[in-house]
Amino acid sequence: MTSNQQNWPTLLCNNARSGGQVPQPWRAPRRVRWQIRLEGAVRGSPILDGELLYVPSLAGFLNAINIRTGRLQWKFKATAAIHSTPSLSLGQVLFGCDDGKVIAIDAASGTKCWEMASEDEVWTSPVIQDRTAFFGSADGNLYAVGTEAGAQQWKQMLGGRIYSTGHVVKGRIFVGCGDGNIYGMDAATGQVLWKTETGNGIDCSPALANDTVFIGSQDFVFYALDAGCGTVRWRYEAELGITSAPAISGELIVFGCKAGTLHALHIRTGKAIWKSRIGQTIMAPPVISGSVVWIQAGDTFAVNLFDGRVLWKANLGNSVQSAPVVTEDVVYLASMEGEIYALE
């Protein structure tokens, strides 16, 4: 999926958290093709479209790096820090800012198309379905805006701050909230159709498959819920809180927890297939490409999808919240220090 298509329904585009990249055969990176240091730390994940890698920074810049040269093609200065991982839609890059704005940038030129303001920081990613972008704000509202001009279609107050990026599909949107509830909502109106309570706040972004919503909570539990009514189908207890958005491939669902453990569960039963102790806290979403799970947890790891065995690791700058971009030839990584690497 690229920015020429209109739907980007979840964090990093799809259930594999692929950022729109197609699965690739496993090959360990051998060297650095290029690296560039940006202004400001990087918390959000880069996304790639064509020859441009879009990277947000806490200095308030959205940076577009030409992947052939490893040099900045353009950068756009927002009015506040950018924690949000960008999304793509119809030639626009969309992202949230710490001053509450969501901004849409022309993906080719870096010029602003529109902006829309909420009342508190937006760390979530906009998710797009049928020319509508949905995003949550720390002001407690979930918003729907048109992607052509940024006009607000509705907003719905939930019970707490929203740091969970929603998942929108078939006219429904699913999102976690700081009040500890998981919400199922009507995407056309914002009406709350159901909510299911957990034991603590939720910063995790959900995935959806087989009419089931999958999401972790700070209460240490990972939940599988009926998407129609919110009933718990199964639950799995991890060692610590879960903010790592899950990734799905076939019958496996993979997520990390703050104890530094990567878990792989059977998607229908919740039975643990394997778990791998990586060592540091895991807050970032895993990315699944083919038979490999990529995860940044301090170091960057490539893990075998089927048994959890570590295939490769590298220490290229501490990062616990960003996700890599995995392509056929190159893996792109962002560090908290603002260094961006292209590994081949």
Protein backbone atom coordinates (compact mmCIF):
# COMPACT_ATOMS: atom_id res chain seq x y z
CA MET A 1 0.00 0.00 0.00
CA THR A 2 1.32 3.43 -0.89
CA SER A 3 0.19 7.00 -0.50
CA ASN A 4 -1.60 6.72 -3.88
CA GLN A 5 -4.22 4.59 -2.09
CA GLN A 6 -6.68 6.01 0.37
CA ASN A 7 -6.82 3.53 3.26
CA TRP A 8 -4.30 3.30 6.11
CA PRO A 9 -6.58 1.77 8.73
CA THR A 10 -4.14 1.10 11.57
CA LEU A 11 -0.73 1.94 13.00
CA LEU A 12 1.98 1.34 10.35
CA CYS A 13 -0.67 0.51 7.75
CA ASN A 14 -1.67 -3.11 8.45
CA ASN A 15 -1.75 -5.97 10.96
CA ALA A 16 1.87 -6.93 10.23
CA ARG A 17 2.89 -3.33 11.11
CA SER A 18 4.72 -3.40 7.78
CA GLY A 19 4.38 0.29 6.96
CA GLY A 20 3.02 -0.75 3.58
CA GLN A 21 6.08 -2.82 2.61
CA VAL A 22 5.69 -6.31 1.11
CA PRO A 23 7.14 -9.32 3.01
CA GLN A 24 10.74 -10.16 2.18
CA PRO A 25 12.95 -13.26 2.47
CA TRP A 26 15.26 -13.27 5.49
CA ARG A 27 18.71 -11.82 4.95
CA ALA A 28 20.88 -10.44 7.74
CA PRO A 29 22.10 -6.87 7.14
CA ARG A 30 25.87 -6.71 6.60
CA ARG A 31 26.80 -3.06 6.41
CA VAL A 32 25.56 0.52 6.64
CA ARG A 33 24.65 1.94 3.24
CA TRP A 34 24.26 5.44 4.68
CA GLN A 35 23.41 7.25 7.87
CA ILE A 36 22.22 10.74 8.62
CA ARG A 37 21.75 12.66 11.85
CA LEU A 38 18.56 14.66 12.15
CA GLU A 39 17.78 17.60 14.39
CA GLY A 40 16.07 16.24 17.51
CA ALA A 41 15.43 12.81 18.97
CA VAL A 42 13.15 10.38 17.14
CA ARG A 43 10.38 8.60 19.02
CA GLY A 44 7.89 7.82 16.25
CA SER A 45 8.52 5.28 13.51
CA PRO A 46 9.71 6.19 10.01
CA ILE A 47 7.52 5.33 7.04
CA LEU A 48 8.63 4.80 3.44
CA ASP A 49 6.84 5.66 0.22
CA GLY A 50 8.68 5.45 -3.11
CA GLU A 51 12.10 7.07 -2.71
CA LEU A 52 11.26 9.13 0.38
CA LEU A 53 11.62 8.03 4.01
CA TYR A 54 9.52 10.22 6.31
CA VAL A 55 10.88 10.60 9.85
CA PRO A 56 9.31 12.71 12.65
CA SER A 57 11.45 14.31 15.36
CA LEU A 58 10.96 15.80 18.80
CA ALA A 59 12.51 19.01 17.48
CA GLY A 60 9.25 19.43 15.57
CA PHE A 61 10.43 18.47 12.09
CA LEU A 62 8.98 16.04 9.61
CA ASN A 63 12.02 15.01 7.58
CA ALA A 64 11.89 13.52 4.08
CA ILE A 65 15.10 11.60 3.31
CA ASN A 66 15.92 10.49 -0.23
CA ILE A 67 16.78 6.81 0.23
CA ARG A 68 19.06 6.75 -2.85
CA THR A 69 21.34 9.50 -1.55
CA GLY A 70 20.74 9.38 2.20
CA ARG A 71 20.24 13.14 2.17
CA LEU A 72 17.36 15.36 3.20
CA GLN A 73 15.05 16.15 0.31
CA TRP A 74 12.98 18.51 2.45
CA LYS A 75 11.92 19.10 6.02
CA PHE A 76 8.80 20.70 7.40
CA LYS A 77 8.84 22.60 10.70
CA ALA A 78 5.76 22.02 12.81
CA THR A 79 4.87 24.22 15.79
CA ALA A 80 5.62 21.54 18.42
CA ALA A 81 7.38 18.20 18.97
CA ILE A 82 6.21 15.22 16.93
CA HIS A 83 5.79 11.96 18.87
CA SER A 84 3.25 10.62 16.38
CA THR A 85 4.17 7.98 13.79
CA PRO A 86 3.04 9.40 10.41
CA SER A 87 0.47 7.87 8.09
CA LEU A 88 0.03 8.11 4.32
CA SER A 89 -3.05 8.85 2.22
CA LEU A 90 -3.52 9.98 -1.37
CA GLY A 91 -0.21 11.81 -1.65
CA GLN A 92 -0.31 13.27 1.87
CA VAL A 93 1.67 12.53 5.03
CA LEU A 94 -0.43 12.97 8.19
CA PHE A 95 0.88 13.25 11.77
CA GLY A 96 0.01 14.64 15.18
CA CYS A 97 1.91 17.18 17.28
CA ASP A 98 2.37 17.92 20.98
CA ASP A 99 0.39 21.18 20.65
CA GLY A 100 -2.71 19.20 19.66
CA LYS A 101 -2.56 19.78 15.92
CA VAL A 102 -2.85 17.13 13.23
CA ILE A 103 -1.10 18.28 10.05
CA ALA A 104 -1.28 16.98 6.48
CA ILE A 105 1.79 17.58 4.30
CA ASP A 106 2.16 17.14 0.55
CA ALA A 107 4.33 14.00 0.40
CA ALA A 108 6.34 15.15 -2.62
CA SER A 109 7.02 18.80 -1.82
CA GLY A 110 6.76 19.11 1.96
CA THR A 111 4.20 21.93 1.79
CA LYS A 112 1.31 22.02 4.26
CA CYS A 113 -2.09 20.97 2.89
CA TRP A 114 -4.14 21.53 6.04
CA GLU A 115 -4.11 21.36 9.83
CA MET A 116 -6.75 20.65 12.44
CA ALA A 117 -6.48 21.42 16.16
CA SER A 118 -7.47 19.36 19.19
CA GLU A 119 -7.05 20.62 22.74
CA ASP A 120 -4.06 18.57 23.93
CA GLU A 121 -1.11 16.58 22.58
CA VAL A 122 -1.63 14.05 19.80
CA TRP A 123 0.79 11.14 20.06
CA THR A 124 -1.44 8.75 18.13
CA SER A 125 -1.21 8.14 14.39
CA PRO A 126 -4.07 9.22 12.15
CA VAL A 127 -5.79 6.17 10.64
CA ILE A 128 -7.54 6.62 7.32
CA GLN A 129 -10.58 4.96 5.81
CA ASP A 130 -12.48 6.29 2.79
CA ARG A 131 -11.06 9.83 2.93
CA THR A 132 -11.64 10.21 6.67
CA ALA A 133 -8.79 10.35 9.20
CA PHE A 134 -9.43 9.27 12.80
CA PHE A 135 -7.14 10.19 15.70
CA GLY A 136 -7.20 10.31 19.47
CA SER A 137 -5.93 13.18 21.59
CA ALA A 138 -4.79 13.55 25.18
CA ASP A 139 -7.81 15.85 25.56
CA GLY A 140 -9.88 12.64 25.79
CA ASN A 141 -11.61 13.00 22.42
CA LEU A 142 -11.53 10.78 19.37
CA TYR A 143 -11.81 12.89 16.21
CA ALA A 144 -12.88 12.22 12.62
CA VAL A 145 -11.72 14.70 9.95
CA GLY A 146 -11.90 14.73 6.17
CA THR A 147 -8.55 14.14 4.49
CA GLU A 148 -9.19 16.63 1.67
CA ALA A 149 -9.32 19.79 3.81
CA GLY A 150 -9.16 18.65 7.44
CA ALA A 151 -12.77 19.56 8.23
CA GLN A 152 -14.02 17.99 11.45
CA GLN A 153 -16.80 15.45 10.92
CA TRP A 154 -17.31 14.52 14.57
CA LYS A 155 -15.58 14.21 17.92
CA GLN A 156 -16.47 11.88 20.77
CA MET A 157 -15.35 12.32 24.36
CA LEU A 158 -14.18 9.08 25.96
CA GLY A 159 -13.24 8.51 29.59
CA GLY A 160 -9.54 9.43 29.60
CA ARG A 161 -6.47 10.50 27.64
CA ILE A 162 -5.98 8.66 24.34
CA TYR A 163 -2.51 7.40 23.39
CA SER A 164 -3.81 4.31 21.57
CA THR A 165 -3.93 4.53 17.77
CA GLY A 166 -7.28 3.21 16.62
CA HIS A 167 -8.07 0.52 14.06
CA VAL A 168 -10.87 1.28 11.60
CA VAL A 169 -12.59 -1.35 9.46
CA LYS A 170 -16.08 -1.94 8.01
CA GLY A 171 -17.55 1.22 9.48
CA ARG A 172 -16.26 0.57 13.00
CA ILE A 173 -13.32 2.01 14.91
CA PHE A 174 -11.69 0.30 17.90
CA VAL A 175 -9.42 2.11 20.36
CA GLY A 176 -7.98 1.83 23.86
CA CYS A 177 -8.19 4.63 26.41
CA GLY A 178 -6.44 5.89 29.51
CA ASP A 179 -9.57 5.11 31.53
CA GLY A 180 -8.81 1.40 31.11
CA ASN A 181 -11.60 0.73 28.63
CA ILE A 182 -11.49 -0.65 25.09
CA TYR A 183 -14.08 1.04 22.90
CA GLY A 184 -15.96 -0.12 19.81
CA MET A 185 -17.46 2.86 17.96
CA ASP A 186 -19.45 3.74 14.86
CA ALA A 187 -16.98 5.31 12.41
CA ALA A 188 -19.67 7.42 10.72
CA THR A 189 -21.02 9.10 13.87
CA GLY A 190 -18.59 8.46 16.74
CA GLN A 191 -21.32 6.72 18.75
CA VAL A 192 -19.93 4.32 21.36
CA LEU A 193 -21.37 0.88 20.58
CA TRP A 194 -19.66 -0.99 23.41
CA LYS A 195 -16.84 -0.67 25.91
CA THR A 196 -14.95 -3.35 27.83
CA GLU A 197 -13.12 -2.58 31.05
CA THR A 198 -9.57 -3.71 31.85
CA GLY A 199 -7.64 -3.27 35.08
CA ASN A 200 -5.52 -0.27 34.09
CA GLY A 201 -4.96 2.38 31.42
CA ILE A 202 -4.41 1.40 27.78
CA ASP A 203 -1.72 2.95 25.58
CA CYS A 204 -1.50 -0.09 23.26
CA SER A 205 -2.86 0.16 19.71
CA PRO A 206 -5.21 -2.66 18.70
CA ALA A 207 -5.10 -5.10 15.80
CA LEU A 208 -8.15 -6.72 14.29
CA ALA A 209 -8.56 -10.12 12.60
CA ASN A 210 -11.26 -12.80 12.45
CA ASP A 211 -13.82 -10.32 13.85
CA THR A 212 -11.63 -10.14 16.98
CA VAL A 213 -9.97 -7.08 18.53
CA PHE A 214 -6.52 -7.77 20.02
CA ILE A 215 -5.05 -5.30 22.50
CA GLY A 216 -2.81 -5.15 25.58
CA SER A 217 -3.31 -3.19 28.78
CA GLN A 218 -1.12 -1.77 31.53
CA ASP A 219 -2.81 -4.37 33.78
CA PHE A 220 -0.32 -6.94 32.31
CA VAL A 221 -3.09 -8.69 30.32
CA PHE A 222 -3.44 -9.14 26.57
CA TYR A 223 -7.08 -9.36 25.44
CA ALA A 224 -8.96 -10.88 22.51
CA LEU A 225 -12.45 -9.35 22.25
CA ASP A 226 -15.46 -10.00 20.05
CA ALA A 227 -15.47 -7.02 17.66
CA GLY A 228 -19.26 -6.96 17.54
CA CYS A 229 -20.04 -6.70 21.24
CA GLY A 230 -16.75 -6.46 23.19
CA THR A 231 -17.07 -9.80 24.98
CA VAL A 232 -13.69 -11.23 26.06
CA ARG A 233 -12.89 -14.33 23.98
CA TRP A 234 -9.61 -15.06 25.73
CA ARG A 235 -6.99 -13.32 27.85
CA TYR A 236 -3.29 -13.92 28.38
CA GLU A 237 -1.24 -12.58 31.28
CA ALA A 238 2.25 -11.20 30.60
CA GLU A 239 4.95 -10.27 33.12
CA LEU A 240 4.43 -6.49 33.04
CA GLY A 241 2.33 -3.84 31.30
CA ILE A 242 1.78 -3.98 27.55
CA THR A 243 2.08 -0.90 25.33
CA SER A 244 3.63 -2.71 22.33
CA ALA A 245 1.03 -2.83 19.54
CA PRO A 246 0.58 -6.43 18.36
CA ALA A 247 1.51 -7.69 14.89
CA ILE A 248 -0.23 -10.59 13.16
CA SER A 249 0.92 -13.18 10.65
CA GLY A 250 -1.28 -16.17 9.85
CA GLU A 251 -2.22 -17.91 13.10
CA LEU A 252 0.34 -16.04 15.22
CA ILE A 253 0.00 -12.75 17.05
CA VAL A 254 3.18 -11.18 18.44
CA PHE A 255 3.66 -8.39 21.01
CA GLY A 256 6.17 -7.26 23.60
CA CYS A 257 5.80 -6.27 27.25
CA LYS A 258 7.72 -3.95 29.56
CA ALA A 259 9.57 -6.91 31.10
CA GLY A 260 11.50 -7.18 27.82
CA THR A 261 9.76 -10.35 26.64
CA LEU A 262 8.41 -10.90 23.16
CA HIS A 263 5.34 -13.18 23.16
CA ALA A 264 3.83 -15.17 20.28
CA LEU A 265 0.32 -16.52 20.82
CA HIS A 266 -2.08 -18.63 18.78
CA ILE A 267 -4.56 -16.12 17.43
CA ARG A 268 -7.67 -18.24 18.06
CA THR A 269 -6.88 -19.74 21.46
CA GLY A 270 -4.45 -17.34 23.14
CA LYS A 271 -2.10 -20.24 23.85
CA ALA A 272 1.58 -19.22 24.10
CA ILE A 273 3.57 -20.65 21.18
CA TRP A 274 6.87 -19.13 22.32
CA LYS A 275 8.33 -16.23 24.26
CA SER A 276 11.76 -14.69 23.89
CA ARG A 277 13.45 -12.62 26.59
CA ILE A 278 15.25 -9.84 24.73
CA GLY A 279 16.39 -8.10 27.90
CA GLN A 280 15.19 -4.51 27.79
CA THR A 281 11.73 -3.08 28.05
CA ILE A 282 9.63 -3.48 24.90
CA MET A 283 7.29 -0.61 24.08
CA ALA A 284 7.60 -0.50 20.29
CA PRO A 285 5.41 -2.45 17.88
CA PRO A 286 7.02 -5.49 16.25
CA VAL A 287 7.16 -5.57 12.45
CA ILE A 288 6.63 -8.91 10.72
CA SER A 289 8.26 -9.41 7.32
CA GLY A 290 8.00 -12.92 5.93
CA SER A 291 9.30 -15.36 8.54
CA VAL A 292 11.02 -12.67 10.67
CA VAL A 293 9.87 -10.41 13.50
CA TRP A 294 11.81 -7.13 13.74
CA ILE A 295 11.74 -5.27 17.04
CA GLN A 296 13.57 -2.32 18.56
CA ALA A 297 14.10 -2.73 22.30
CA GLY A 298 17.25 -0.76 23.01
CA ASP A 299 19.13 -2.87 20.46
CA THR A 300 17.46 -3.91 17.21
CA PHE A 301 16.55 -7.60 16.89
CA ALA A 302 15.48 -9.92 14.10
CA VAL A 303 13.64 -12.93 15.57
CA ASN A 304 12.41 -16.11 13.92
CA LEU A 305 8.61 -15.87 13.71
CA PHE A 306 8.03 -19.56 14.36
CA ASP A 307 10.25 -20.28 17.39
CA GLY A 308 11.38 -16.90 18.81
CA ARG A 309 15.07 -17.55 18.14
CA VAL A 310 17.18 -14.38 17.76
CA LEU A 311 18.63 -14.38 14.24
CA TRP A 312 20.45 -11.03 14.34
CA LYS A 313 20.95 -8.04 16.59
CA ALA A 314 22.67 -4.68 16.37
CA ASN A 315 23.29 -1.78 18.73
CA LEU A 316 22.89 1.33 16.59
CA GLY A 317 21.63 3.79 19.17
CA ASN A 318 19.06 3.24 21.87
CA SER A 319 15.45 3.11 20.72
CA VAL A 320 12.53 1.54 22.55
CA GLN A 321 9.56 3.19 20.84
CA SER A 322 10.32 3.26 17.11
CA ALA A 323 9.81 0.47 14.56
CA PRO A 324 12.07 -0.30 11.58
CA VAL A 325 11.14 -0.15 7.91
CA VAL A 326 11.97 -3.50 6.29
CA THR A 327 12.35 -3.69 2.50
CA GLU A 328 13.83 -6.29 0.15
CA ASP A 329 17.28 -4.71 0.07
CA VAL A 330 17.50 -2.36 3.06
CA VAL A 331 16.35 -2.03 6.66
CA TYR A 332 15.86 1.56 7.87
CA LEU A 333 16.26 2.29 11.58
CA ALA A 334 15.77 5.40 13.68
CA SER A 335 17.45 5.95 17.05
CA MET A 336 16.36 8.13 19.95
CA GLU A 337 19.47 10.23 19.31
CA GLY A 338 18.21 11.18 15.85
CA GLU A 339 20.54 8.95 13.83
CA ILE A 340 18.88 7.27 10.86
CA TYR A 341 20.54 4.17 9.38
CA ALA A 342 20.08 2.34 6.10
CA LEU A 343 21.41 -1.22 6.55
CA GLU A 344 21.97 -3.58 3.65
